[in-house]
Amino acid sequence: CPSGLHCDGSAVVRPRNLGAVWEVCADCSPTGAAYTLQSCPIGYQPKLESLDVHRCEGCGLGEECAEEPCEGCSPCAPGMFKSSIGPALCSPCPLNSHLATAGATSPEDCSRCPDNSY
């Protein structure tokens, strides 16, 4: 059973991440049928380490995957940050602040807006 699936010994196989799409591939393994990860839900990216190790992994600091199917995480857009590892989406900079670069990992990366500007 690949690491991204929950197999309880019966014919029922469930994804560990709700929304992950798996497919049975009859000729993917020399020992018979295998499950292959097709896509991950929002906030997760596919992690394919080997034939037997497929899973959905949460995006890292300063990155998100905001559209399904998620094929990979992208840096937070300018004006946004993400200070945790996992499926959370990027958050906007605090009120009256801005950020011109992508991939911020903390609200402290955002700069205060100049006086008399928005």
PDB file of N, CA and C in Angstrom:
ATOM      1  N   CYS A   1       0.849  -1.178   0.000  1.00  0.00           N
ATOM      2  CA  CYS A   1       0.000   0.000   0.000  1.00  0.00           C
ATOM      3  C   CYS A   1       0.898   1.245   0.000  1.00  0.00           C
ATOM      4  N   PRO A   2       0.789   2.101  -1.020  1.00  0.00           N
ATOM      5  CA  PRO A   2       1.609   3.320  -1.039  1.00  0.00           C
ATOM      6  C   PRO A   2       1.362   4.193   0.190  1.00  0.00           C
ATOM      7  N   SER A   3       2.356   4.967   0.566  1.00  0.00           N
ATOM      8  CA  SER A   3       2.277   5.770   1.784  1.00  0.00           C
ATOM      9  C   SER A   3       1.135   6.778   1.769  1.00  0.00           C
ATOM     10  N   GLY A   4       0.635   7.169   0.607  1.00  0.00           N
ATOM     11  CA  GLY A   4      -0.455   8.137   0.535  1.00  0.00           C
ATOM     12  C   GLY A   4      -1.839   7.521   0.607  1.00  0.00           C
ATOM     13  N   LEU A   5      -1.898   6.199   0.738  1.00  0.00           N
ATOM     14  CA  LEU A   5      -3.185   5.504   0.830  1.00  0.00           C
ATOM     15  C   LEU A   5      -3.305   4.812   2.177  1.00  0.00           C
ATOM     16  N   HIS A   6      -4.536   4.591   2.587  1.00  0.00           N
ATOM     17  CA  HIS A   6      -4.819   3.815   3.796  1.00  0.00           C
ATOM     18  C   HIS A   6      -5.422   2.493   3.347  1.00  0.00           C
ATOM     19  N   CYS A   7      -4.738   1.406   3.617  1.00  0.00           N
ATOM     20  CA  CYS A   7      -5.209   0.069   3.254  1.00  0.00           C
ATOM     21  C   CYS A   7      -5.456  -0.699   4.544  1.00  0.00           C
ATOM     22  N   ASP A   8      -6.662  -1.201   4.703  1.00  0.00           N
ATOM     23  CA  ASP A   8      -6.986  -1.900   5.951  1.00  0.00           C
ATOM     24  C   ASP A   8      -7.079  -3.414   5.789  1.00  0.00           C
ATOM     25  N   GLY A   9      -6.565  -3.941   4.672  1.00  0.00           N
ATOM     26  CA  GLY A   9      -6.590  -5.382   4.465  1.00  0.00           C
ATOM     27  C   GLY A   9      -7.781  -5.854   3.655  1.00  0.00           C
ATOM     28  N   SER A  10      -8.795  -5.009   3.503  1.00  0.00           N
ATOM     29  CA  SER A  10      -9.947  -5.361   2.685  1.00  0.00           C
ATOM     30  C   SER A  10      -9.719  -4.818   1.268  1.00  0.00           C
ATOM     31  N   ALA A  11     -10.719  -4.882   0.449  1.00  0.00           N
ATOM     32  CA  ALA A  11     -10.630  -4.353  -0.918  1.00  0.00           C
ATOM     33  C   ALA A  11     -10.786  -2.835  -0.947  1.00  0.00           C
ATOM     34  N   VAL A  12     -11.099  -2.233   0.208  1.00  0.00           N
ATOM     35  CA  VAL A  12     -11.308  -0.786   0.275  1.00  0.00           C
ATOM     36  C   VAL A  12      -9.972  -0.083   0.510  1.00  0.00           C
ATOM     37  N   VAL A  13      -9.668   0.857  -0.363  1.00  0.00           N
ATOM     38  CA  VAL A  13      -8.445   1.651  -0.259  1.00  0.00           C
ATOM     39  C   VAL A  13      -8.872   3.110  -0.254  1.00  0.00           C
ATOM     40  N   ARG A  14      -8.396   3.882   0.759  1.00  0.00           N
ATOM     41  CA  ARG A  14      -8.784   5.294   0.875  1.00  0.00           C
ATOM     42  C   ARG A  14      -7.555   6.188   0.834  1.00  0.00           C
ATOM     43  N   PRO A  15      -7.674   7.352   0.156  1.00  0.00           N
ATOM     44  CA  PRO A  15      -6.562   8.301   0.196  1.00  0.00           C
ATOM     45  C   PRO A  15      -6.418   8.897   1.592  1.00  0.00           C
ATOM     46  N   ARG A  16      -5.192   9.139   2.035  1.00  0.00           N
ATOM     47  CA  ARG A  16      -4.948   9.784   3.322  1.00  0.00           C
ATOM     48  C   ARG A  16      -5.331  11.259   3.280  1.00  0.00           C
ATOM     49  N   ASN A  17      -5.231  11.888   2.098  1.00  0.00           N
ATOM     50  CA  ASN A  17      -5.630  13.279   1.925  1.00  0.00           C
ATOM     51  C   ASN A  17      -6.926  13.311   1.135  1.00  0.00           C
ATOM     52  N   LEU A  18      -7.990  13.798   1.762  1.00  0.00           N
ATOM     53  CA  LEU A  18      -9.273  13.903   1.097  1.00  0.00           C
ATOM     54  C   LEU A  18      -9.118  14.756  -0.154  1.00  0.00           C
ATOM     55  N   GLY A  19      -9.549  14.236  -1.284  1.00  0.00           N
ATOM     56  CA  GLY A  19      -9.441  14.962  -2.542  1.00  0.00           C
ATOM     57  C   GLY A  19      -8.301  14.478  -3.422  1.00  0.00           C
ATOM     58  N   ALA A  20      -7.401  13.661  -2.881  1.00  0.00           N
ATOM     59  CA  ALA A  20      -6.325  13.104  -3.709  1.00  0.00           C
ATOM     60  C   ALA A  20      -6.936  12.099  -4.681  1.00  0.00           C
ATOM     61  N   VAL A  21      -6.415  12.071  -5.903  1.00  0.00           N
ATOM     62  CA  VAL A  21      -6.922  11.155  -6.925  1.00  0.00           C
ATOM     63  C   VAL A  21      -5.854  10.110  -7.222  1.00  0.00           C
ATOM     64  N   TRP A  22      -6.246   8.858  -7.049  1.00  0.00           N
ATOM     65  CA  TRP A  22      -5.365   7.717  -7.301  1.00  0.00           C
ATOM     66  C   TRP A  22      -5.948   6.878  -8.416  1.00  0.00           C
ATOM     67  N   GLU A  23      -5.098   6.166  -9.140  1.00  0.00           N
ATOM     68  CA  GLU A  23      -5.550   5.318 -10.234  1.00  0.00           C
ATOM     69  C   GLU A  23      -4.844   3.968 -10.130  1.00  0.00           C
ATOM     70  N   VAL A  24      -5.558   2.910 -10.479  1.00  0.00           N
ATOM     71  CA  VAL A  24      -4.940   1.585 -10.505  1.00  0.00           C
ATOM     72  C   VAL A  24      -4.239   1.441 -11.849  1.00  0.00           C
ATOM     73  N   CYS A  25      -2.999   1.028 -11.793  1.00  0.00           N
ATOM     74  CA  CYS A  25      -2.191   0.836 -12.999  1.00  0.00           C
ATOM     75  C   CYS A  25      -1.793  -0.637 -13.038  1.00  0.00           C
ATOM     76  N   ALA A  26      -2.376  -1.388 -13.962  1.00  0.00           N
ATOM     77  CA  ALA A  26      -2.171  -2.841 -14.016  1.00  0.00           C
ATOM     78  C   ALA A  26      -0.747  -3.233 -14.394  1.00  0.00           C
ATOM     79  N   ASP A  27      -0.042  -2.412 -15.172  1.00  0.00           N
ATOM     80  CA  ASP A  27       1.290  -2.804 -15.618  1.00  0.00           C
ATOM     81  C   ASP A  27       2.401  -1.893 -15.074  1.00  0.00           C
ATOM     82  N   CYS A  28       2.152  -1.259 -13.945  1.00  0.00           N
ATOM     83  CA  CYS A  28       3.143  -0.351 -13.352  1.00  0.00           C
ATOM     84  C   CYS A  28       4.113  -1.055 -12.423  1.00  0.00           C
ATOM     85  N   SER A  29       3.824  -2.251 -12.051  1.00  0.00           N
ATOM     86  CA  SER A  29       4.654  -2.944 -11.073  1.00  0.00           C
ATOM     87  C   SER A  29       4.940  -4.355 -11.556  1.00  0.00           C
ATOM     88  N   PRO A  30       6.158  -4.836 -11.353  1.00  0.00           N
ATOM     89  CA  PRO A  30       6.470  -6.209 -11.763  1.00  0.00           C
ATOM     90  C   PRO A  30       5.698  -7.249 -10.951  1.00  0.00           C
ATOM     91  N   THR A  31       5.151  -6.866  -9.819  1.00  0.00           N
ATOM     92  CA  THR A  31       4.411  -7.806  -8.972  1.00  0.00           C
ATOM     93  C   THR A  31       2.902  -7.733  -9.189  1.00  0.00           C
ATOM     94  N   GLY A  32       2.451  -6.965 -10.163  1.00  0.00           N
ATOM     95  CA  GLY A  32       1.015  -6.866 -10.428  1.00  0.00           C
ATOM     96  C   GLY A  32       0.547  -5.430 -10.401  1.00  0.00           C
ATOM     97  N   ALA A  33      -0.724  -5.235 -10.113  1.00  0.00           N
ATOM     98  CA  ALA A  33      -1.323  -3.902 -10.124  1.00  0.00           C
ATOM     99  C   ALA A  33      -0.716  -3.015  -9.049  1.00  0.00           C
ATOM    100  N   ALA A  34      -0.677  -1.731  -9.338  1.00  0.00           N
ATOM    101  CA  ALA A  34      -0.164  -0.751  -8.384  1.00  0.00           C
ATOM    102  C   ALA A  34      -1.053   0.478  -8.435  1.00  0.00           C
ATOM    103  N   TYR A  35      -1.044   1.256  -7.371  1.00  0.00           N
ATOM    104  CA  TYR A  35      -1.773   2.514  -7.344  1.00  0.00           C
ATOM    105  C   TYR A  35      -0.805   3.640  -7.675  1.00  0.00           C
ATOM    106  N   THR A  36      -1.240   4.558  -8.520  1.00  0.00           N
ATOM    107  CA  THR A  36      -0.415   5.714  -8.843  1.00  0.00           C
ATOM    108  C   THR A  36      -1.186   6.988  -8.504  1.00  0.00           C
ATOM    109  N   LEU A  37      -0.474   7.921  -7.919  1.00  0.00           N
ATOM    110  CA  LEU A  37      -1.068   9.196  -7.540  1.00  0.00           C
ATOM    111  C   LEU A  37      -1.226  10.055  -8.785  1.00  0.00           C
ATOM    112  N   GLN A  38      -2.437  10.537  -9.035  1.00  0.00           N
ATOM    113  CA  GLN A  38      -2.716  11.364 -10.203  1.00  0.00           C
ATOM    114  C   GLN A  38      -2.717  12.847  -9.876  1.00  0.00           C
ATOM    115  N   SER A  39      -3.310  13.224  -8.749  1.00  0.00           N
ATOM    116  CA  SER A  39      -3.343  14.635  -8.358  1.00  0.00           C
ATOM    117  C   SER A  39      -3.636  14.759  -6.872  1.00  0.00           C
ATOM    118  N   CYS A  40      -3.343  15.963  -6.350  1.00  0.00           N
ATOM    119  CA  CYS A  40      -3.537  16.249  -4.932  1.00  0.00           C
ATOM    120  C   CYS A  40      -4.540  17.387  -4.768  1.00  0.00           C
ATOM    121  N   PRO A  41      -5.155  17.483  -3.589  1.00  0.00           N
ATOM    122  CA  PRO A  41      -6.089  18.582  -3.335  1.00  0.00           C
ATOM    123  C   PRO A  41      -5.355  19.904  -3.105  1.00  0.00           C
ATOM    124  N   ILE A  42      -6.103  20.971  -3.061  1.00  0.00           N
ATOM    125  CA  ILE A  42      -5.551  22.301  -2.810  1.00  0.00           C
ATOM    126  C   ILE A  42      -4.688  22.261  -1.547  1.00  0.00           C
ATOM    127  N   GLY A  43      -3.522  22.892  -1.623  1.00  0.00           N
ATOM    128  CA  GLY A  43      -2.615  22.973  -0.480  1.00  0.00           C
ATOM    129  C   GLY A  43      -1.586  21.862  -0.401  1.00  0.00           C
ATOM    130  N   TYR A  44      -1.688  20.870  -1.272  1.00  0.00           N
ATOM    131  CA  TYR A  44      -0.767  19.738  -1.279  1.00  0.00           C
ATOM    132  C   TYR A  44      -0.174  19.562  -2.668  1.00  0.00           C
ATOM    133  N   GLN A  45       1.064  19.080  -2.716  1.00  0.00           N
ATOM    134  CA  GLN A  45       1.696  18.778  -3.993  1.00  0.00           C
ATOM    135  C   GLN A  45       2.045  17.300  -4.052  1.00  0.00           C
ATOM    136  N   PRO A  46       2.056  16.710  -5.258  1.00  0.00           N
ATOM    137  CA  PRO A  46       2.434  15.301  -5.369  1.00  0.00           C
ATOM    138  C   PRO A  46       3.908  15.105  -5.019  1.00  0.00           C
ATOM    139  N   LYS A  47       4.182  14.080  -4.259  1.00  0.00           N
ATOM    140  CA  LYS A  47       5.548  13.703  -3.905  1.00  0.00           C
ATOM    141  C   LYS A  47       5.716  12.257  -4.345  1.00  0.00           C
ATOM    142  N   LEU A  48       6.466  12.050  -5.430  1.00  0.00           N
ATOM    143  CA  LEU A  48       6.659  10.711  -5.985  1.00  0.00           C
ATOM    144  C   LEU A  48       8.124  10.346  -5.819  1.00  0.00           C
ATOM    145  N   GLU A  49       8.433   9.647  -4.743  1.00  0.00           N
ATOM    146  CA  GLU A  49       9.824   9.320  -4.431  1.00  0.00           C
ATOM    147  C   GLU A  49      10.296   8.046  -5.105  1.00  0.00           C
ATOM    148  N   SER A  50       9.385   7.101  -5.302  1.00  0.00           N
ATOM    149  CA  SER A  50       9.714   5.844  -5.962  1.00  0.00           C
ATOM    150  C   SER A  50       8.406   5.207  -6.416  1.00  0.00           C
ATOM    151  N   LEU A  51       8.504   4.032  -7.014  1.00  0.00           N
ATOM    152  CA  LEU A  51       7.303   3.337  -7.476  1.00  0.00           C
ATOM    153  C   LEU A  51       6.333   3.076  -6.322  1.00  0.00           C
ATOM    154  N   ASP A  52       6.858   2.820  -5.128  1.00  0.00           N
ATOM    155  CA  ASP A  52       6.020   2.482  -3.979  1.00  0.00           C
ATOM    156  C   ASP A  52       5.740   3.660  -3.049  1.00  0.00           C
ATOM    157  N   VAL A  53       6.403   4.793  -3.239  1.00  0.00           N
ATOM    158  CA  VAL A  53       6.226   5.919  -2.329  1.00  0.00           C
ATOM    159  C   VAL A  53       5.625   7.103  -3.086  1.00  0.00           C
ATOM    160  N   HIS A  54       4.311   7.202  -2.999  1.00  0.00           N
ATOM    161  CA  HIS A  54       3.547   8.308  -3.574  1.00  0.00           C
ATOM    162  C   HIS A  54       2.724   8.902  -2.440  1.00  0.00           C
ATOM    163  N   ARG A  55       2.708  10.214  -2.348  1.00  0.00           N
ATOM    164  CA  ARG A  55       1.871  10.840  -1.330  1.00  0.00           C
ATOM    165  C   ARG A  55       1.650  12.306  -1.689  1.00  0.00           C
ATOM    166  N   CYS A  56       0.683  12.914  -1.033  1.00  0.00           N
ATOM    167  CA  CYS A  56       0.451  14.346  -1.149  1.00  0.00           C
ATOM    168  C   CYS A  56       1.130  14.999   0.046  1.00  0.00           C
ATOM    169  N   GLU A  57       1.953  15.999  -0.229  1.00  0.00           N
ATOM    170  CA  GLU A  57       2.724  16.659   0.812  1.00  0.00           C
ATOM    171  C   GLU A  57       2.337  18.135   0.861  1.00  0.00           C
ATOM    172  N   GLY A  58       2.126  18.654   2.060  1.00  0.00           N
ATOM    173  CA  GLY A  58       1.771  20.058   2.228  1.00  0.00           C
ATOM    174  C   GLY A  58       2.857  20.982   1.686  1.00  0.00           C
ATOM    175  N   CYS A  59       2.453  22.117   1.172  1.00  0.00           N
ATOM    176  CA  CYS A  59       3.400  23.096   0.638  1.00  0.00           C
ATOM    177  C   CYS A  59       4.267  23.663   1.763  1.00  0.00           C
ATOM    178  N   GLY A  60       5.448  24.143   1.406  1.00  0.00           N
ATOM    179  CA  GLY A  60       6.397  24.651   2.378  1.00  0.00           C
ATOM    180  C   GLY A  60       6.156  26.104   2.749  1.00  0.00           C
ATOM    181  N   LEU A  61       7.052  26.635   3.550  1.00  0.00           N
ATOM    182  CA  LEU A  61       7.001  28.041   3.940  1.00  0.00           C
ATOM    183  C   LEU A  61       7.036  28.920   2.689  1.00  0.00           C
ATOM    184  N   GLY A  62       6.192  29.938   2.635  1.00  0.00           N
ATOM    185  CA  GLY A  62       6.210  30.882   1.527  1.00  0.00           C
ATOM    186  C   GLY A  62       5.703  30.341   0.215  1.00  0.00           C
ATOM    187  N   GLU A  63       4.972  29.215   0.244  1.00  0.00           N
ATOM    188  CA  GLU A  63       4.422  28.667  -0.994  1.00  0.00           C
ATOM    189  C   GLU A  63       3.059  28.050  -0.770  1.00  0.00           C
ATOM    190  N   GLU A  64       2.295  27.952  -1.864  1.00  0.00           N
ATOM    191  CA  GLU A  64       0.939  27.409  -1.800  1.00  0.00           C
ATOM    192  C   GLU A  64       0.604  26.719  -3.104  1.00  0.00           C
ATOM    193  N   CYS A  65      -0.477  25.989  -3.067  1.00  0.00           N
ATOM    194  CA  CYS A  65      -1.069  25.415  -4.267  1.00  0.00           C
ATOM    195  C   CYS A  65      -2.554  25.695  -4.136  1.00  0.00           C
ATOM    196  N   ALA A  66      -3.023  26.703  -4.855  1.00  0.00           N
ATOM    197  CA  ALA A  66      -4.377  27.214  -4.650  1.00  0.00           C
ATOM    198  C   ALA A  66      -5.401  26.692  -5.647  1.00  0.00           C
ATOM    199  N   GLU A  67      -4.995  25.868  -6.599  1.00  0.00           N
ATOM    200  CA  GLU A  67      -5.939  25.354  -7.602  1.00  0.00           C
ATOM    201  C   GLU A  67      -5.822  23.842  -7.685  1.00  0.00           C
ATOM    202  N   GLU A  68      -6.972  23.198  -7.887  1.00  0.00           N
ATOM    203  CA  GLU A  68      -6.972  21.751  -8.102  1.00  0.00           C
ATOM    204  C   GLU A  68      -7.029  21.477  -9.594  1.00  0.00           C
ATOM    205  N   PRO A  69      -6.393  20.450 -10.092  1.00  0.00           N
ATOM    206  CA  PRO A  69      -5.509  19.574  -9.331  1.00  0.00           C
ATOM    207  C   PRO A  69      -4.170  20.260  -9.092  1.00  0.00           C
ATOM    208  N   CYS A  70      -3.611  20.017  -7.954  1.00  0.00           N
ATOM    209  CA  CYS A  70      -2.321  20.622  -7.614  1.00  0.00           C
ATOM    210  C   CYS A  70      -1.216  19.771  -8.222  1.00  0.00           C
ATOM    211  N   GLU A  71      -0.396  20.396  -9.051  1.00  0.00           N
ATOM    212  CA  GLU A  71       0.727  19.689  -9.657  1.00  0.00           C
ATOM    213  C   GLU A  71       2.046  20.087  -9.013  1.00  0.00           C
ATOM    214  N   GLY A  72       2.024  21.142  -8.218  1.00  0.00           N
ATOM    215  CA  GLY A  72       3.217  21.598  -7.528  1.00  0.00           C
ATOM    216  C   GLY A  72       2.949  22.914  -6.833  1.00  0.00           C
ATOM    217  N   CYS A  73       3.682  23.195  -5.795  1.00  0.00           N
ATOM    218  CA  CYS A  73       3.493  24.435  -5.039  1.00  0.00           C
ATOM    219  C   CYS A  73       4.207  25.584  -5.742  1.00  0.00           C
ATOM    220  N   SER A  74       3.669  26.778  -5.572  1.00  0.00           N
ATOM    221  CA  SER A  74       4.233  27.999  -6.147  1.00  0.00           C
ATOM    222  C   SER A  74       4.498  28.994  -5.031  1.00  0.00           C
ATOM    223  N   PRO A  75       5.467  29.893  -5.228  1.00  0.00           N
ATOM    224  CA  PRO A  75       5.731  30.916  -4.207  1.00  0.00           C
ATOM    225  C   PRO A  75       4.503  31.797  -3.987  1.00  0.00           C
ATOM    226  N   CYS A  76       4.315  32.252  -2.769  1.00  0.00           N
ATOM    227  CA  CYS A  76       3.249  33.224  -2.484  1.00  0.00           C
ATOM    228  C   CYS A  76       3.462  34.438  -3.382  1.00  0.00           C
ATOM    229  N   ALA A  77       2.390  34.990  -3.879  1.00  0.00           N
ATOM    230  CA  ALA A  77       2.453  36.164  -4.752  1.00  0.00           C
ATOM    231  C   ALA A  77       2.946  37.377  -3.955  1.00  0.00           C
ATOM    232  N   PRO A  78       3.480  38.384  -4.641  1.00  0.00           N
ATOM    233  CA  PRO A  78       3.835  39.619  -3.940  1.00  0.00           C
ATOM    234  C   PRO A  78       2.637  40.134  -3.131  1.00  0.00           C
ATOM    235  N   GLY A  79       2.903  40.623  -1.939  1.00  0.00           N
ATOM    236  CA  GLY A  79       1.830  41.093  -1.061  1.00  0.00           C
ATOM    237  C   GLY A  79       1.218  40.007  -0.193  1.00  0.00           C
ATOM    238  N   MET A  80       1.741  38.781  -0.310  1.00  0.00           N
ATOM    239  CA  MET A  80       1.217  37.636   0.436  1.00  0.00           C
ATOM    240  C   MET A  80       2.384  36.929   1.142  1.00  0.00           C
ATOM    241  N   PHE A  81       2.062  36.136   2.191  1.00  0.00           N
ATOM    242  CA  PHE A  81       3.068  35.368   2.921  1.00  0.00           C
ATOM    243  C   PHE A  81       2.435  34.094   3.444  1.00  0.00           C
ATOM    244  N   LYS A  82       3.271  33.118   3.790  1.00  0.00           N
ATOM    245  CA  LYS A  82       2.799  31.906   4.467  1.00  0.00           C
ATOM    246  C   LYS A  82       3.888  31.471   5.430  1.00  0.00           C
ATOM    247  N   SER A  83       3.551  31.447   6.707  1.00  0.00           N
ATOM    248  CA  SER A  83       4.542  31.176   7.750  1.00  0.00           C
ATOM    249  C   SER A  83       4.448  29.768   8.327  1.00  0.00           C
ATOM    250  N   SER A  84       3.786  28.858   7.615  1.00  0.00           N
ATOM    251  CA  SER A  84       3.684  27.485   8.108  1.00  0.00           C
ATOM    252  C   SER A  84       3.892  26.501   6.964  1.00  0.00           C
ATOM    253  N   ILE A  85       4.252  25.291   7.331  1.00  0.00           N
ATOM    254  CA  ILE A  85       4.354  24.201   6.365  1.00  0.00           C
ATOM    255  C   ILE A  85       3.040  23.446   6.426  1.00  0.00           C
ATOM    256  N   GLY A  86       2.447  23.156   5.283  1.00  0.00           N
ATOM    257  CA  GLY A  86       1.192  22.427   5.251  1.00  0.00           C
ATOM    258  C   GLY A  86       0.249  22.981   4.203  1.00  0.00           C
ATOM    259  N   PRO A  87      -1.019  22.615   4.294  1.00  0.00           N
ATOM    260  CA  PRO A  87      -1.959  22.952   3.237  1.00  0.00           C
ATOM    261  C   PRO A  87      -2.527  24.372   3.273  1.00  0.00           C
ATOM    262  N   ALA A  88      -2.204  25.157   4.280  1.00  0.00           N
ATOM    263  CA  ALA A  88      -2.769  26.513   4.362  1.00  0.00           C
ATOM    264  C   ALA A  88      -2.380  27.328   3.129  1.00  0.00           C
ATOM    265  N   LEU A  89      -3.244  28.256   2.764  1.00  0.00           N
ATOM    266  CA  LEU A  89      -2.966  29.160   1.653  1.00  0.00           C
ATOM    267  C   LEU A  89      -2.214  30.387   2.163  1.00  0.00           C
ATOM    268  N   CYS A  90      -1.610  31.120   1.246  1.00  0.00           N
ATOM    269  CA  CYS A  90      -0.902  32.344   1.610  1.00  0.00           C
ATOM    270  C   CYS A  90      -1.898  33.382   2.122  1.00  0.00           C
ATOM    271  N   SER A  91      -1.441  34.229   3.021  1.00  0.00           N
ATOM    272  CA  SER A  91      -2.264  35.286   3.615  1.00  0.00           C
ATOM    273  C   SER A  91      -1.776  36.636   3.123  1.00  0.00           C
ATOM    274  N   PRO A  92      -2.685  37.613   3.052  1.00  0.00           N
ATOM    275  CA  PRO A  92      -2.251  38.945   2.633  1.00  0.00           C
ATOM    276  C   PRO A  92      -1.423  39.624   3.727  1.00  0.00           C
ATOM    277  N   CYS A  93      -0.563  40.539   3.295  1.00  0.00           N
ATOM    278  CA  CYS A  93       0.197  41.342   4.262  1.00  0.00           C
ATOM    279  C   CYS A  93      -0.790  42.081   5.161  1.00  0.00           C
ATOM    280  N   PRO A  94      -0.379  42.413   6.383  1.00  0.00           N
ATOM    281  CA  PRO A  94      -1.263  43.152   7.286  1.00  0.00           C
ATOM    282  C   PRO A  94      -1.703  44.486   6.669  1.00  0.00           C
ATOM    283  N   LEU A  95      -2.794  44.996   7.168  1.00  0.00           N
ATOM    284  CA  LEU A  95      -3.330  46.278   6.726  1.00  0.00           C
ATOM    285  C   LEU A  95      -2.254  47.357   6.790  1.00  0.00           C
ATOM    286  N   ASN A  96      -2.219  48.222   5.791  1.00  0.00           N
ATOM    287  CA  ASN A  96      -1.259  49.328   5.692  1.00  0.00           C
ATOM    288  C   ASN A  96       0.182  48.862   5.535  1.00  0.00           C
ATOM    289  N   SER A  97       0.365  47.694   4.905  1.00  0.00           N
ATOM    290  CA  SER A  97       1.705  47.220   4.595  1.00  0.00           C
ATOM    291  C   SER A  97       1.710  46.644   3.182  1.00  0.00           C
ATOM    292  N   HIS A  98       2.896  46.405   2.649  1.00  0.00           N
ATOM    293  CA  HIS A  98       3.021  45.890   1.285  1.00  0.00           C
ATOM    294  C   HIS A  98       4.280  45.035   1.177  1.00  0.00           C
ATOM    295  N   LEU A  99       4.400  44.335   0.063  1.00  0.00           N
ATOM    296  CA  LEU A  99       5.554  43.485  -0.195  1.00  0.00           C
ATOM    297  C   LEU A  99       5.673  43.313  -1.700  1.00  0.00           C
ATOM    298  N   ALA A 100       6.800  43.651  -2.275  1.00  0.00           N
ATOM    299  CA  ALA A 100       6.978  43.595  -3.725  1.00  0.00           C
ATOM    300  C   ALA A 100       7.497  42.243  -4.218  1.00  0.00           C
ATOM    301  N   THR A 101       8.056  41.425  -3.329  1.00  0.00           N
ATOM    302  CA  THR A 101       8.653  40.162  -3.754  1.00  0.00           C
ATOM    303  C   THR A 101       7.733  38.982  -3.469  1.00  0.00           C
ATOM    304  N   ALA A 102       7.984  37.881  -4.157  1.00  0.00           N
ATOM    305  CA  ALA A 102       7.196  36.651  -3.979  1.00  0.00           C
ATOM    306  C   ALA A 102       7.889  35.726  -2.985  1.00  0.00           C
ATOM    307  N   GLY A 103       7.111  34.810  -2.396  1.00  0.00           N
ATOM    308  CA  GLY A 103       7.667  33.766  -1.542  1.00  0.00           C
ATOM    309  C   GLY A 103       7.917  34.154  -0.097  1.00  0.00           C
ATOM    310  N   ALA A 104       7.236  35.186   0.393  1.00  0.00           N
ATOM    311  CA  ALA A 104       7.449  35.629   1.779  1.00  0.00           C
ATOM    312  C   ALA A 104       6.998  34.567   2.768  1.00  0.00           C
ATOM    313  N   THR A 105       7.708  34.485   3.894  1.00  0.00           N
ATOM    314  CA  THR A 105       7.424  33.459   4.898  1.00  0.00           C
ATOM    315  C   THR A 105       6.927  34.016   6.231  1.00  0.00           C
ATOM    316  N   SER A 106       6.770  35.326   6.316  1.00  0.00           N
ATOM    317  CA  SER A 106       6.362  35.921   7.588  1.00  0.00           C
ATOM    318  C   SER A 106       5.684  37.271   7.351  1.00  0.00           C
ATOM    319  N   PRO A 107       4.745  37.661   8.220  1.00  0.00           N
ATOM    320  CA  PRO A 107       4.160  38.997   8.076  1.00  0.00           C
ATOM    321  C   PRO A 107       5.201  40.094   8.299  1.00  0.00           C
ATOM    322  N   GLU A 108       6.297  39.760   8.994  1.00  0.00           N
ATOM    323  CA  GLU A 108       7.370  40.727   9.200  1.00  0.00           C
ATOM    324  C   GLU A 108       8.108  41.052   7.896  1.00  0.00           C
ATOM    325  N   ASP A 109       7.943  40.201   6.872  1.00  0.00           N
ATOM    326  CA  ASP A 109       8.537  40.482   5.564  1.00  0.00           C
ATOM    327  C   ASP A 109       7.833  41.650   4.875  1.00  0.00           C
ATOM    328  N   CYS A 110       6.619  41.951   5.292  1.00  0.00           N
ATOM    329  CA  CYS A 110       5.837  43.042   4.706  1.00  0.00           C
ATOM    330  C   CYS A 110       6.307  44.382   5.298  1.00  0.00           C
ATOM    331  N   SER A 111       6.364  45.393   4.447  1.00  0.00           N
ATOM    332  CA  SER A 111       6.823  46.725   4.882  1.00  0.00           C
ATOM    333  C   SER A 111       5.637  47.645   5.059  1.00  0.00           C
ATOM    334  N   ARG A 112       5.758  48.516   6.033  1.00  0.00           N
ATOM    335  CA  ARG A 112       4.719  49.503   6.283  1.00  0.00           C
ATOM    336  C   ARG A 112       4.607  50.436   5.084  1.00  0.00           C
ATOM    337  N   CYS A 113       3.396  50.764   4.703  1.00  0.00           N
ATOM    338  CA  CYS A 113       3.179  51.696   3.594  1.00  0.00           C
ATOM    339  C   CYS A 113       3.668  53.087   3.998  1.00  0.00           C
ATOM    340  N   PRO A 114       4.203  53.847   3.058  1.00  0.00           N
ATOM    341  CA  PRO A 114       4.603  55.228   3.377  1.00  0.00           C
ATOM    342  C   PRO A 114       3.396  56.042   3.844  1.00  0.00           C
ATOM    343  N   ASP A 115       3.655  57.059   4.645  1.00  0.00           N
ATOM    344  CA  ASP A 115       2.576  57.938   5.116  1.00  0.00           C
ATOM    345  C   ASP A 115       1.807  58.501   3.928  1.00  0.00           C
ATOM    346  N   ASN A 116       0.508  58.685   4.119  1.00  0.00           N
ATOM    347  CA  ASN A 116      -0.399  59.240   3.106  1.00  0.00           C
ATOM    348  C   ASN A 116      -0.515  58.385   1.862  1.00  0.00           C
ATOM    349  N   SER A 117      -0.312  57.058   1.984  1.00  0.00           N
ATOM    350  CA  SER A 117      -0.525  56.147   0.863  1.00  0.00           C
ATOM    351  C   SER A 117      -1.336  54.944   1.355  1.00  0.00           C
ATOM    352  N   TYR A 118      -1.825  54.175   0.422  1.00  0.00           N
ATOM    353  CA  TYR A 118      -2.651  53.018   0.767  1.00  0.00           C
ATOM    354  C   TYR A 118      -2.073  51.774   0.143  1.00  0.00           C
TER     355      TYR A 118
END
